[in-house]
Amino acid sequence: MESRVAKKKKKRSRVRWRRVFLMLFLLLIVAGAGYTAYQYYAGVHQTDPNDALNMDNLEFNGKKDANGRTNILLLGIDRRGQEDSRTDTIMIAQYDPKNNQVKLISIMRDIYAEIPGYRNYKINTAYYLGNLNHQKKGVELLRQALKTNFDIDVQYYALVDFQGFVKIVDTLAPQGIEMNVEHKMSKNIGLTLYPGKQLMHGKQLLAYARFRHDAQGDFGRVARQQKVLKALQSEVFSVNGIAKAPKLLGTIQPYMATNMSKMNILALVKDAMVNGNLKVKTMTVPVAGTYTNVNYPGVGAALEVDKEKNTEAIKQFLDE
């Protein structure tokens, strides 16, 4: 039998190792928190303060999803929040944690729609009208327009200046992101893109996503935007992207206005990463065969849509 002295020595040894492991665990937590904070502020500090979006206290009365999913209204602008800006990109993103799935709905900006409190306009005009006279109601009026026309509601919004998109791409993938350009593109995008596979940096990728002057028009532009977002999703959830997550959040923060807290955003990203194998599905509204091209005084070229059919298509897409 072991002597009492030997037993005491073993007990002290176990206690000592537990303390060592506890200290190492605490050091890892502190180091992780320090790394996260350092990377986040490194992202923030690489931004010129004069380029920041600076849009606070926007009115928004979103509704929480009854099934535990997260619905976000994603808007892209290129005028740093000036009153006369319109949304160039309108998307609804839904994250379903149960199935670790993201569904993206691209809303064509030229849809002829009811704007609550105003006459009918293109749907992206809602953002402009709501911001007149410093009202800060543009995002809310657009939310109301989407609810009125397609019976879809969201809990959160994220308004992103396109300069932030450029920064995100260049931070996430300094070597560029591979894209296959379908044909030569140059009109109204500030540069020329040539056909074929190539690595694109932020400015080139933004130009590719915004090009609309071909036979497909806005529908082609929306398809390219969805293609770009899927490519970015693959980069974000790579080993390199996961390591850069805090810096990416810090990089985009000055260029983004949202009612989501940083903790909300990090929690969503963490859930998606932990669950693994994130699935992404896309949809474009209006769906094929449910619209006609029209031209109205004071509005210009627009899309007259069958609201009932598109509302049903959206419901089926989100519930499938």
C-alpha atoms as a PDB file:
ATOM      1  CA  MET A   1       0.000   0.000   0.000  1.00  0.00           C
ATOM      2  CA  GLU A   2       1.088   3.528  -0.706  1.00  0.00           C
ATOM      3  CA  SER A   3       2.238   5.553   2.239  1.00  0.00           C
ATOM      4  CA  ARG A   4       0.353   8.654   3.292  1.00  0.00           C
ATOM      5  CA  VAL A   5       3.301  10.775   2.159  1.00  0.00           C
ATOM      6  CA  ALA A   6       3.183   9.287  -1.368  1.00  0.00           C
ATOM      7  CA  LYS A   7      -0.585   9.830  -1.586  1.00  0.00           C
ATOM      8  CA  LYS A   8      -0.216  13.456  -0.515  1.00  0.00           C
ATOM      9  CA  LYS A   9       2.490  13.993  -3.156  1.00  0.00           C
ATOM     10  CA  LYS A  10       0.222  12.547  -5.886  1.00  0.00           C
ATOM     11  CA  LYS A  11      -2.669  14.728  -4.751  1.00  0.00           C
ATOM     12  CA  ARG A  12      -0.469  17.835  -4.783  1.00  0.00           C
ATOM     13  CA  SER A  13       0.781  16.889  -8.262  1.00  0.00           C
ATOM     14  CA  ARG A  14      -2.788  16.556  -9.609  1.00  0.00           C
ATOM     15  CA  VAL A  15      -3.761  19.911  -8.100  1.00  0.00           C
ATOM     16  CA  ARG A  16      -0.643  21.509  -9.561  1.00  0.00           C
ATOM     17  CA  TRP A  17      -1.397  20.191 -13.087  1.00  0.00           C
ATOM     18  CA  ARG A  18      -5.009  21.334 -12.840  1.00  0.00           C
ATOM     19  CA  ARG A  19      -3.779  24.819 -12.006  1.00  0.00           C
ATOM     20  CA  VAL A  20      -1.352  24.717 -14.933  1.00  0.00           C
ATOM     21  CA  PHE A  21      -4.112  23.654 -17.339  1.00  0.00           C
ATOM     22  CA  LEU A  22      -6.442  26.316 -15.947  1.00  0.00           C
ATOM     23  CA  MET A  23      -3.779  28.990 -16.394  1.00  0.00           C
ATOM     24  CA  LEU A  24      -3.088  27.832 -19.954  1.00  0.00           C
ATOM     25  CA  PHE A  25      -6.823  27.850 -20.718  1.00  0.00           C
ATOM     26  CA  LEU A  26      -7.204  31.378 -19.334  1.00  0.00           C
ATOM     27  CA  LEU A  27      -4.156  32.531 -21.294  1.00  0.00           C
ATOM     28  CA  LEU A  28      -5.679  31.128 -24.489  1.00  0.00           C
ATOM     29  CA  ILE A  29      -8.926  32.997 -23.819  1.00  0.00           C
ATOM     30  CA  VAL A  30      -7.084  36.260 -23.137  1.00  0.00           C
ATOM     31  CA  ALA A  31      -4.864  35.776 -26.190  1.00  0.00           C
ATOM     32  CA  GLY A  32      -7.897  35.005 -28.355  1.00  0.00           C
ATOM     33  CA  ALA A  33      -9.742  38.063 -27.102  1.00  0.00           C
ATOM     34  CA  GLY A  34      -6.651  40.196 -27.630  1.00  0.00           C
ATOM     35  CA  TYR A  35      -6.177  38.875 -31.169  1.00  0.00           C
ATOM     36  CA  THR A  36      -9.850  39.501 -31.974  1.00  0.00           C
ATOM     37  CA  ALA A  37      -9.726  43.068 -30.645  1.00  0.00           C
ATOM     38  CA  TYR A  38      -6.426  43.792 -32.403  1.00  0.00           C
ATOM     39  CA  GLN A  39      -7.708  42.491 -35.745  1.00  0.00           C
ATOM     40  CA  TYR A  40     -11.016  44.348 -35.408  1.00  0.00           C
ATOM     41  CA  TYR A  41      -9.377  47.717 -34.739  1.00  0.00           C
ATOM     42  CA  ALA A  42      -6.780  47.071 -37.444  1.00  0.00           C
ATOM     43  CA  GLY A  43      -9.709  46.835 -39.836  1.00  0.00           C
ATOM     44  CA  VAL A  44     -11.328  50.001 -38.484  1.00  0.00           C
ATOM     45  CA  HIS A  45      -8.108  52.022 -38.628  1.00  0.00           C
ATOM     46  CA  GLN A  46      -7.401  51.223 -42.278  1.00  0.00           C
ATOM     47  CA  THR A  47     -10.435  53.352 -43.176  1.00  0.00           C
ATOM     48  CA  ASP A  48     -10.240  57.051 -43.995  1.00  0.00           C
ATOM     49  CA  PRO A  49     -12.699  58.767 -41.573  1.00  0.00           C
ATOM     50  CA  ASN A  50     -13.849  60.983 -44.450  1.00  0.00           C
ATOM     51  CA  ASP A  51     -15.088  57.881 -46.296  1.00  0.00           C
ATOM     52  CA  ALA A  52     -17.251  56.609 -43.420  1.00  0.00           C
ATOM     53  CA  LEU A  53     -20.983  56.261 -44.030  1.00  0.00           C
ATOM     54  CA  ASN A  54     -21.990  58.110 -40.821  1.00  0.00           C
ATOM     55  CA  MET A  55     -25.676  57.195 -40.813  1.00  0.00           C
ATOM     56  CA  ASP A  56     -27.043  56.753 -37.302  1.00  0.00           C
ATOM     57  CA  ASN A  57     -30.505  56.577 -35.730  1.00  0.00           C
ATOM     58  CA  LEU A  58     -32.332  55.442 -38.851  1.00  0.00           C
ATOM     59  CA  GLU A  59     -35.998  54.682 -38.318  1.00  0.00           C
ATOM     60  CA  PHE A  60     -36.790  50.989 -38.736  1.00  0.00           C
ATOM     61  CA  ASN A  61     -39.680  48.939 -37.375  1.00  0.00           C
ATOM     62  CA  GLY A  62     -38.774  45.434 -38.445  1.00  0.00           C
ATOM     63  CA  LYS A  63     -40.543  42.284 -37.338  1.00  0.00           C
ATOM     64  CA  LYS A  64     -38.926  39.206 -35.800  1.00  0.00           C
ATOM     65  CA  ASP A  65     -39.386  35.932 -37.685  1.00  0.00           C
ATOM     66  CA  ALA A  66     -41.821  33.579 -35.951  1.00  0.00           C
ATOM     67  CA  ASN A  67     -39.774  30.487 -36.897  1.00  0.00           C
ATOM     68  CA  GLY A  68     -36.442  31.568 -35.426  1.00  0.00           C
ATOM     69  CA  ARG A  69     -34.871  32.560 -38.735  1.00  0.00           C
ATOM     70  CA  THR A  70     -32.977  35.825 -39.216  1.00  0.00           C
ATOM     71  CA  ASN A  71     -34.225  38.095 -42.019  1.00  0.00           C
ATOM     72  CA  ILE A  72     -32.060  41.007 -43.154  1.00  0.00           C
ATOM     73  CA  LEU A  73     -32.748  43.732 -45.719  1.00  0.00           C
ATOM     74  CA  LEU A  74     -29.447  44.285 -47.569  1.00  0.00           C
ATOM     75  CA  LEU A  75     -29.054  47.568 -49.431  1.00  0.00           C
ATOM     76  CA  GLY A  76     -26.132  48.815 -51.500  1.00  0.00           C
ATOM     77  CA  ILE A  77     -25.536  52.511 -52.220  1.00  0.00           C
ATOM     78  CA  ASP A  78     -22.675  54.456 -53.761  1.00  0.00           C
ATOM     79  CA  ARG A  79     -23.271  57.998 -52.538  1.00  0.00           C
ATOM     80  CA  ARG A  80     -22.215  57.673 -48.878  1.00  0.00           C
ATOM     81  CA  GLY A  81     -25.724  58.312 -47.631  1.00  0.00           C
ATOM     82  CA  GLN A  82     -26.517  61.623 -49.319  1.00  0.00           C
ATOM     83  CA  GLU A  83     -30.173  62.510 -49.379  1.00  0.00           C
ATOM     84  CA  ASP A  84     -30.543  62.170 -53.146  1.00  0.00           C
ATOM     85  CA  SER A  85     -29.103  58.654 -53.318  1.00  0.00           C
ATOM     86  CA  ARG A  86     -31.107  55.627 -54.378  1.00  0.00           C
ATOM     87  CA  THR A  87     -30.450  51.998 -53.598  1.00  0.00           C
ATOM     88  CA  ASP A  88     -28.514  50.312 -56.384  1.00  0.00           C
ATOM     89  CA  THR A  89     -28.917  46.853 -54.843  1.00  0.00           C
ATOM     90  CA  ILE A  90     -31.885  45.467 -52.905  1.00  0.00           C
ATOM     91  CA  MET A  91     -31.663  42.000 -51.383  1.00  0.00           C
ATOM     92  CA  ILE A  92     -33.323  40.061 -48.605  1.00  0.00           C
ATOM     93  CA  ALA A  93     -31.120  37.528 -46.828  1.00  0.00           C
ATOM     94  CA  GLN A  94     -32.586  34.850 -44.598  1.00  0.00           C
ATOM     95  CA  TYR A  95     -30.404  32.706 -42.328  1.00  0.00           C
ATOM     96  CA  ASP A  96     -31.941  29.487 -41.027  1.00  0.00           C
ATOM     97  CA  PRO A  97     -29.762  28.157 -38.164  1.00  0.00           C
ATOM     98  CA  LYS A  98     -31.661  24.862 -38.020  1.00  0.00           C
ATOM     99  CA  ASN A  99     -30.598  23.918 -41.555  1.00  0.00           C
ATOM    100  CA  ASN A 100     -27.502  26.171 -41.688  1.00  0.00           C
ATOM    101  CA  GLN A 101     -28.844  27.716 -44.856  1.00  0.00           C
ATOM    102  CA  VAL A 102     -28.874  31.201 -46.367  1.00  0.00           C
ATOM    103  CA  LYS A 103     -31.517  32.234 -48.888  1.00  0.00           C
ATOM    104  CA  LEU A 104     -30.926  35.364 -50.946  1.00  0.00           C
ATOM    105  CA  ILE A 105     -33.751  37.160 -52.730  1.00  0.00           C
ATOM    106  CA  SER A 106     -32.694  39.841 -55.209  1.00  0.00           C
ATOM    107  CA  ILE A 107     -35.385  42.476 -55.738  1.00  0.00           C
ATOM    108  CA  MET A 108     -35.182  44.188 -59.129  1.00  0.00           C
ATOM    109  CA  ARG A 109     -34.884  47.906 -58.458  1.00  0.00           C
ATOM    110  CA  ASP A 110     -37.084  48.852 -61.455  1.00  0.00           C
ATOM    111  CA  ILE A 111     -40.209  47.079 -60.160  1.00  0.00           C
ATOM    112  CA  TYR A 112     -43.198  49.435 -60.452  1.00  0.00           C
ATOM    113  CA  ALA A 113     -44.552  49.359 -56.914  1.00  0.00           C
ATOM    114  CA  GLU A 114     -46.874  50.911 -54.390  1.00  0.00           C
ATOM    115  CA  ILE A 115     -44.951  53.236 -52.065  1.00  0.00           C
ATOM    116  CA  PRO A 116     -46.957  53.790 -48.847  1.00  0.00           C
ATOM    117  CA  GLY A 117     -47.947  57.468 -48.570  1.00  0.00           C
ATOM    118  CA  TYR A 118     -46.847  58.269 -52.130  1.00  0.00           C
ATOM    119  CA  ARG A 119     -47.857  57.516 -55.725  1.00  0.00           C
ATOM    120  CA  ASN A 120     -46.496  54.437 -57.474  1.00  0.00           C
ATOM    121  CA  TYR A 121     -42.792  54.554 -58.387  1.00  0.00           C
ATOM    122  CA  LYS A 122     -39.916  52.198 -59.001  1.00  0.00           C
ATOM    123  CA  ILE A 123     -39.396  50.338 -55.746  1.00  0.00           C
ATOM    124  CA  ASN A 124     -35.882  51.692 -55.142  1.00  0.00           C
ATOM    125  CA  THR A 125     -37.355  55.227 -55.083  1.00  0.00           C
ATOM    126  CA  ALA A 126     -38.825  54.415 -51.649  1.00  0.00           C
ATOM    127  CA  TYR A 127     -35.384  54.821 -50.084  1.00  0.00           C
ATOM    128  CA  TYR A 128     -34.950  58.244 -51.699  1.00  0.00           C
ATOM    129  CA  LEU A 129     -38.430  59.488 -50.700  1.00  0.00           C
ATOM    130  CA  GLY A 130     -38.046  58.381 -47.097  1.00  0.00           C
ATOM    131  CA  ASN A 131     -34.782  60.294 -46.741  1.00  0.00           C
ATOM    132  CA  LEU A 132     -36.035  63.631 -48.087  1.00  0.00           C
ATOM    133  CA  ASN A 133     -35.760  66.573 -45.674  1.00  0.00           C
ATOM    134  CA  HIS A 134     -33.449  64.603 -43.351  1.00  0.00           C
ATOM    135  CA  GLN A 135     -36.256  62.261 -42.283  1.00  0.00           C
ATOM    136  CA  LYS A 136     -33.975  59.182 -42.014  1.00  0.00           C
ATOM    137  CA  LYS A 137     -36.924  57.000 -43.000  1.00  0.00           C
ATOM    138  CA  GLY A 138     -35.600  55.647 -46.294  1.00  0.00           C
ATOM    139  CA  VAL A 139     -34.853  52.122 -45.083  1.00  0.00           C
ATOM    140  CA  GLU A 140     -38.160  51.967 -43.199  1.00  0.00           C
ATOM    141  CA  LEU A 141     -40.184  53.159 -46.200  1.00  0.00           C
ATOM    142  CA  LEU A 142     -38.506  50.544 -48.379  1.00  0.00           C
ATOM    143  CA  ARG A 143     -39.327  47.886 -45.765  1.00  0.00           C
ATOM    144  CA  GLN A 144     -42.961  49.027 -45.850  1.00  0.00           C
ATOM    145  CA  ALA A 145     -42.985  48.904 -49.667  1.00  0.00           C
ATOM    146  CA  LEU A 146     -41.709  45.320 -49.655  1.00  0.00           C
ATOM    147  CA  LYS A 147     -44.348  44.363 -47.094  1.00  0.00           C
ATOM    148  CA  THR A 148     -47.118  46.121 -49.055  1.00  0.00           C
ATOM    149  CA  ASN A 149     -46.214  44.661 -52.437  1.00  0.00           C
ATOM    150  CA  PHE A 150     -44.893  41.188 -51.559  1.00  0.00           C
ATOM    151  CA  ASP A 151     -46.018  40.516 -47.977  1.00  0.00           C
ATOM    152  CA  ILE A 152     -42.466  39.974 -46.768  1.00  0.00           C
ATOM    153  CA  ASP A 153     -41.029  41.496 -43.598  1.00  0.00           C
ATOM    154  CA  VAL A 154     -37.579  41.654 -42.050  1.00  0.00           C
ATOM    155  CA  GLN A 155     -36.136  42.202 -38.600  1.00  0.00           C
ATOM    156  CA  TYR A 156     -32.834  43.818 -39.512  1.00  0.00           C
ATOM    157  CA  TYR A 157     -31.300  46.022 -42.179  1.00  0.00           C
ATOM    158  CA  ALA A 158     -27.729  46.474 -43.368  1.00  0.00           C
ATOM    159  CA  LEU A 159     -26.982  49.466 -45.574  1.00  0.00           C
ATOM    160  CA  VAL A 160     -23.550  49.200 -47.207  1.00  0.00           C
ATOM    161  CA  ASP A 161     -21.623  51.784 -49.218  1.00  0.00           C
ATOM    162  CA  PHE A 162     -19.952  50.153 -52.211  1.00  0.00           C
ATOM    163  CA  GLN A 163     -16.553  51.455 -51.144  1.00  0.00           C
ATOM    164  CA  GLY A 164     -16.907  49.098 -48.182  1.00  0.00           C
ATOM    165  CA  PHE A 165     -17.404  46.201 -50.581  1.00  0.00           C
ATOM    166  CA  VAL A 166     -14.097  47.045 -52.271  1.00  0.00           C
ATOM    167  CA  LYS A 167     -12.304  47.136 -48.900  1.00  0.00           C
ATOM    168  CA  ILE A 168     -13.817  43.814 -47.819  1.00  0.00           C
ATOM    169  CA  VAL A 169     -12.692  42.033 -50.987  1.00  0.00           C
ATOM    170  CA  ASP A 170      -9.154  43.414 -50.765  1.00  0.00           C
ATOM    171  CA  THR A 171      -8.893  42.524 -47.062  1.00  0.00           C
ATOM    172  CA  LEU A 172     -10.375  39.049 -47.459  1.00  0.00           C
ATOM    173  CA  ALA A 173      -8.506  38.077 -50.622  1.00  0.00           C
ATOM    174  CA  PRO A 174      -5.492  40.345 -51.346  1.00  0.00           C
ATOM    175  CA  GLN A 175      -4.580  38.011 -54.205  1.00  0.00           C
ATOM    176  CA  GLY A 176      -8.035  38.509 -55.753  1.00  0.00           C
ATOM    177  CA  ILE A 177     -11.109  36.331 -56.288  1.00  0.00           C
ATOM    178  CA  GLU A 178     -11.462  34.235 -59.421  1.00  0.00           C
ATOM    179  CA  MET A 179     -14.354  35.098 -61.730  1.00  0.00           C
ATOM    180  CA  ASN A 180     -15.253  34.053 -65.255  1.00  0.00           C
ATOM    181  CA  VAL A 181     -16.215  37.188 -67.197  1.00  0.00           C
ATOM    182  CA  GLU A 182     -18.800  36.334 -69.849  1.00  0.00           C
ATOM    183  CA  HIS A 183     -17.924  39.078 -72.333  1.00  0.00           C
ATOM    184  CA  LYS A 184     -16.238  42.463 -72.563  1.00  0.00           C
ATOM    185  CA  MET A 185     -17.711  44.975 -70.097  1.00  0.00           C
ATOM    186  CA  SER A 186     -16.910  48.674 -69.869  1.00  0.00           C
ATOM    187  CA  LYS A 187     -19.909  51.016 -70.104  1.00  0.00           C
ATOM    188  CA  ASN A 188     -20.494  53.091 -66.941  1.00  0.00           C
ATOM    189  CA  ILE A 189     -18.294  50.959 -64.670  1.00  0.00           C
ATOM    190  CA  GLY A 190     -15.119  53.067 -64.794  1.00  0.00           C
ATOM    191  CA  LEU A 191     -12.868  50.356 -66.228  1.00  0.00           C
ATOM    192  CA  THR A 192     -12.783  47.612 -68.850  1.00  0.00           C
ATOM    193  CA  LEU A 193     -13.184  43.910 -68.126  1.00  0.00           C
ATOM    194  CA  TYR A 194     -12.218  41.325 -70.728  1.00  0.00           C
ATOM    195  CA  PRO A 195     -13.723  37.840 -71.235  1.00  0.00           C
ATOM    196  CA  GLY A 196     -12.340  34.780 -69.464  1.00  0.00           C
ATOM    197  CA  LYS A 197     -11.291  33.529 -66.038  1.00  0.00           C
ATOM    198  CA  GLN A 198      -9.277  36.017 -64.007  1.00  0.00           C
ATOM    199  CA  LEU A 199      -8.438  37.104 -60.474  1.00  0.00           C
ATOM    200  CA  MET A 200     -10.332  40.252 -59.536  1.00  0.00           C
ATOM    201  CA  HIS A 201      -9.564  42.751 -56.799  1.00  0.00           C
ATOM    202  CA  GLY A 202     -12.238  44.852 -55.120  1.00  0.00           C
ATOM    203  CA  LYS A 203     -12.728  47.503 -57.807  1.00  0.00           C
ATOM    204  CA  GLN A 204     -12.872  44.982 -60.639  1.00  0.00           C
ATOM    205  CA  LEU A 205     -15.268  42.714 -58.756  1.00  0.00           C
ATOM    206  CA  LEU A 206     -17.560  45.641 -57.941  1.00  0.00           C
ATOM    207  CA  ALA A 207     -17.535  46.744 -61.588  1.00  0.00           C
ATOM    208  CA  TYR A 208     -18.389  43.198 -62.671  1.00  0.00           C
ATOM    209  CA  ALA A 209     -21.280  43.015 -60.192  1.00  0.00           C
ATOM    210  CA  ARG A 210     -22.726  46.377 -61.279  1.00  0.00           C
ATOM    211  CA  PHE A 211     -22.485  46.085 -65.066  1.00  0.00           C
ATOM    212  CA  ARG A 212     -25.928  46.145 -66.719  1.00  0.00           C
ATOM    213  CA  HIS A 213     -25.432  47.306 -70.317  1.00  0.00           C
ATOM    214  CA  ASP A 214     -25.939  44.095 -72.253  1.00  0.00           C
ATOM    215  CA  ALA A 215     -28.881  42.084 -73.581  1.00  0.00           C
ATOM    216  CA  GLN A 216     -29.767  40.833 -70.078  1.00  0.00           C
ATOM    217  CA  GLY A 217     -29.823  44.301 -68.532  1.00  0.00           C
ATOM    218  CA  ASP A 218     -30.708  44.388 -64.841  1.00  0.00           C
ATOM    219  CA  PHE A 219     -31.434  40.661 -64.752  1.00  0.00           C
ATOM    220  CA  GLY A 220     -27.858  39.936 -65.812  1.00  0.00           C
ATOM    221  CA  ARG A 221     -26.548  42.379 -63.213  1.00  0.00           C
ATOM    222  CA  VAL A 222     -28.545  40.670 -60.461  1.00  0.00           C
ATOM    223  CA  ALA A 223     -27.314  37.230 -61.564  1.00  0.00           C
ATOM    224  CA  ARG A 224     -23.709  38.484 -61.383  1.00  0.00           C
ATOM    225  CA  GLN A 225     -24.300  39.953 -57.928  1.00  0.00           C
ATOM    226  CA  GLN A 226     -25.533  36.580 -56.690  1.00  0.00           C
ATOM    227  CA  LYS A 227     -22.534  34.876 -58.294  1.00  0.00           C
ATOM    228  CA  VAL A 228     -20.151  37.312 -56.585  1.00  0.00           C
ATOM    229  CA  LEU A 229     -21.800  36.839 -53.181  1.00  0.00           C
ATOM    230  CA  LYS A 230     -21.453  33.062 -53.463  1.00  0.00           C
ATOM    231  CA  ALA A 231     -17.753  33.464 -54.284  1.00  0.00           C
ATOM    232  CA  LEU A 232     -17.308  35.751 -51.271  1.00  0.00           C
ATOM    233  CA  GLN A 233     -19.148  33.265 -49.060  1.00  0.00           C
ATOM    234  CA  SER A 234     -16.658  30.561 -50.064  1.00  0.00           C
ATOM    235  CA  GLU A 235     -13.751  32.860 -49.171  1.00  0.00           C
ATOM    236  CA  VAL A 236     -15.242  33.958 -45.837  1.00  0.00           C
ATOM    237  CA  PHE A 237     -15.717  30.359 -44.676  1.00  0.00           C
ATOM    238  CA  SER A 238     -12.260  29.230 -45.740  1.00  0.00           C
ATOM    239  CA  VAL A 239      -9.551  28.805 -43.080  1.00  0.00           C
ATOM    240  CA  ASN A 240      -8.054  32.131 -44.167  1.00  0.00           C
ATOM    241  CA  GLY A 241     -11.432  33.879 -44.025  1.00  0.00           C
ATOM    242  CA  ILE A 242     -12.272  32.557 -40.559  1.00  0.00           C
ATOM    243  CA  ALA A 243      -8.944  33.859 -39.230  1.00  0.00           C
ATOM    244  CA  LYS A 244      -9.717  37.268 -40.732  1.00  0.00           C
ATOM    245  CA  ALA A 245     -13.319  37.480 -39.451  1.00  0.00           C
ATOM    246  CA  PRO A 246     -12.627  40.137 -36.746  1.00  0.00           C
ATOM    247  CA  LYS A 247     -10.638  42.282 -39.198  1.00  0.00           C
ATOM    248  CA  LEU A 248     -13.377  41.956 -41.832  1.00  0.00           C
ATOM    249  CA  LEU A 249     -15.967  43.177 -39.338  1.00  0.00           C
ATOM    250  CA  GLY A 250     -13.737  46.115 -38.431  1.00  0.00           C
ATOM    251  CA  THR A 251     -13.146  46.892 -42.110  1.00  0.00           C
ATOM    252  CA  ILE A 252     -16.822  46.973 -43.091  1.00  0.00           C
ATOM    253  CA  GLN A 253     -18.078  48.723 -39.937  1.00  0.00           C
ATOM    254  CA  PRO A 254     -17.339  52.331 -41.061  1.00  0.00           C
ATOM    255  CA  TYR A 255     -19.069  51.683 -44.396  1.00  0.00           C
ATOM    256  CA  MET A 256     -22.171  50.050 -42.968  1.00  0.00           C
ATOM    257  CA  ALA A 257     -25.286  51.256 -41.170  1.00  0.00           C
ATOM    258  CA  THR A 258     -27.287  48.530 -39.441  1.00  0.00           C
ATOM    259  CA  ASN A 259     -29.592  47.900 -36.492  1.00  0.00           C
ATOM    260  CA  MET A 260     -27.701  44.684 -35.729  1.00  0.00           C
ATOM    261  CA  SER A 261     -25.248  44.832 -32.853  1.00  0.00           C
ATOM    262  CA  LYS A 262     -21.673  43.623 -33.306  1.00  0.00           C
ATOM    263  CA  MET A 263     -22.556  40.718 -31.004  1.00  0.00           C
ATOM    264  CA  ASN A 264     -25.527  39.802 -33.242  1.00  0.00           C
ATOM    265  CA  ILE A 265     -23.286  39.782 -36.304  1.00  0.00           C
ATOM    266  CA  LEU A 266     -20.520  37.757 -34.651  1.00  0.00           C
ATOM    267  CA  ALA A 267     -23.082  35.280 -33.274  1.00  0.00           C
ATOM    268  CA  LEU A 268     -24.523  34.696 -36.752  1.00  0.00           C
ATOM    269  CA  VAL A 269     -21.070  34.211 -38.267  1.00  0.00           C
ATOM    270  CA  LYS A 270     -20.050  31.878 -35.418  1.00  0.00           C
ATOM    271  CA  ASP A 271     -23.192  29.747 -35.798  1.00  0.00           C
ATOM    272  CA  ALA A 272     -22.679  29.417 -39.544  1.00  0.00           C
ATOM    273  CA  MET A 273     -19.015  28.465 -39.071  1.00  0.00           C
ATOM    274  CA  VAL A 274     -19.635  25.989 -36.242  1.00  0.00           C
ATOM    275  CA  ASN A 275     -22.491  24.266 -38.077  1.00  0.00           C
ATOM    276  CA  GLY A 276     -20.342  23.934 -41.199  1.00  0.00           C
ATOM    277  CA  ASN A 277     -21.314  23.295 -44.835  1.00  0.00           C
ATOM    278  CA  LEU A 278     -23.326  26.503 -45.216  1.00  0.00           C
ATOM    279  CA  LYS A 279     -25.814  26.174 -48.070  1.00  0.00           C
ATOM    280  CA  VAL A 280     -26.794  29.202 -50.174  1.00  0.00           C
ATOM    281  CA  LYS A 281     -29.880  29.413 -52.402  1.00  0.00           C
ATOM    282  CA  THR A 282     -30.841  32.377 -54.575  1.00  0.00           C
ATOM    283  CA  MET A 283     -33.979  33.804 -56.143  1.00  0.00           C
ATOM    284  CA  THR A 284     -34.772  36.854 -58.283  1.00  0.00           C
ATOM    285  CA  VAL A 285     -38.008  38.867 -58.084  1.00  0.00           C
ATOM    286  CA  PRO A 286     -39.893  39.135 -60.374  1.00  0.00           C
ATOM    287  CA  VAL A 287     -39.788  35.474 -61.376  1.00  0.00           C
ATOM    288  CA  ALA A 288     -39.894  34.488 -65.047  1.00  0.00           C
ATOM    289  CA  GLY A 289     -43.219  35.003 -66.806  1.00  0.00           C
ATOM    290  CA  THR A 290     -44.674  37.352 -64.179  1.00  0.00           C
ATOM    291  CA  TYR A 291     -43.756  40.791 -65.516  1.00  0.00           C
ATOM    292  CA  THR A 292     -43.964  43.115 -68.503  1.00  0.00           C
ATOM    293  CA  ASN A 293     -41.762  46.035 -69.511  1.00  0.00           C
ATOM    294  CA  VAL A 294     -43.587  49.379 -69.253  1.00  0.00           C
ATOM    295  CA  ASN A 295     -42.791  53.068 -69.552  1.00  0.00           C
ATOM    296  CA  TYR A 296     -44.710  55.612 -67.484  1.00  0.00           C
ATOM    297  CA  PRO A 297     -44.453  59.439 -67.380  1.00  0.00           C
ATOM    298  CA  GLY A 298     -42.366  60.584 -64.431  1.00  0.00           C
ATOM    299  CA  VAL A 299     -41.126  57.048 -63.871  1.00  0.00           C
ATOM    300  CA  GLY A 300     -39.476  55.911 -67.091  1.00  0.00           C
ATOM    301  CA  ALA A 301     -38.797  52.292 -68.006  1.00  0.00           C
ATOM    302  CA  ALA A 302     -40.060  49.942 -65.313  1.00  0.00           C
ATOM    303  CA  LEU A 303     -41.301  46.404 -64.641  1.00  0.00           C
ATOM    304  CA  GLU A 304     -45.027  45.852 -64.122  1.00  0.00           C
ATOM    305  CA  VAL A 305     -45.229  42.665 -62.059  1.00  0.00           C
ATOM    306  CA  ASP A 306     -47.888  40.162 -61.066  1.00  0.00           C
ATOM    307  CA  LYS A 307     -47.716  40.751 -57.318  1.00  0.00           C
ATOM    308  CA  GLU A 308     -49.853  37.766 -56.368  1.00  0.00           C
ATOM    309  CA  LYS A 309     -47.678  35.270 -58.256  1.00  0.00           C
ATOM    310  CA  ASN A 310     -44.443  36.793 -56.964  1.00  0.00           C
ATOM    311  CA  THR A 311     -45.717  36.901 -53.389  1.00  0.00           C
ATOM    312  CA  GLU A 312     -46.558  33.196 -53.600  1.00  0.00           C
ATOM    313  CA  ALA A 313     -43.177  32.402 -55.198  1.00  0.00           C
ATOM    314  CA  ILE A 314     -41.353  34.217 -52.366  1.00  0.00           C
ATOM    315  CA  LYS A 315     -43.352  32.349 -49.726  1.00  0.00           C
ATOM    316  CA  GLN A 316     -42.602  28.976 -51.319  1.00  0.00           C
ATOM    317  CA  PHE A 317     -38.905  29.799 -51.653  1.00  0.00           C
ATOM    318  CA  LEU A 318     -38.531  30.809 -48.006  1.00  0.00           C
ATOM    319  CA  ASP A 319     -40.594  27.916 -46.649  1.00  0.00           C
ATOM    320  CA  GLU A 320     -39.139  25.087 -48.745  1.00  0.00           C
END
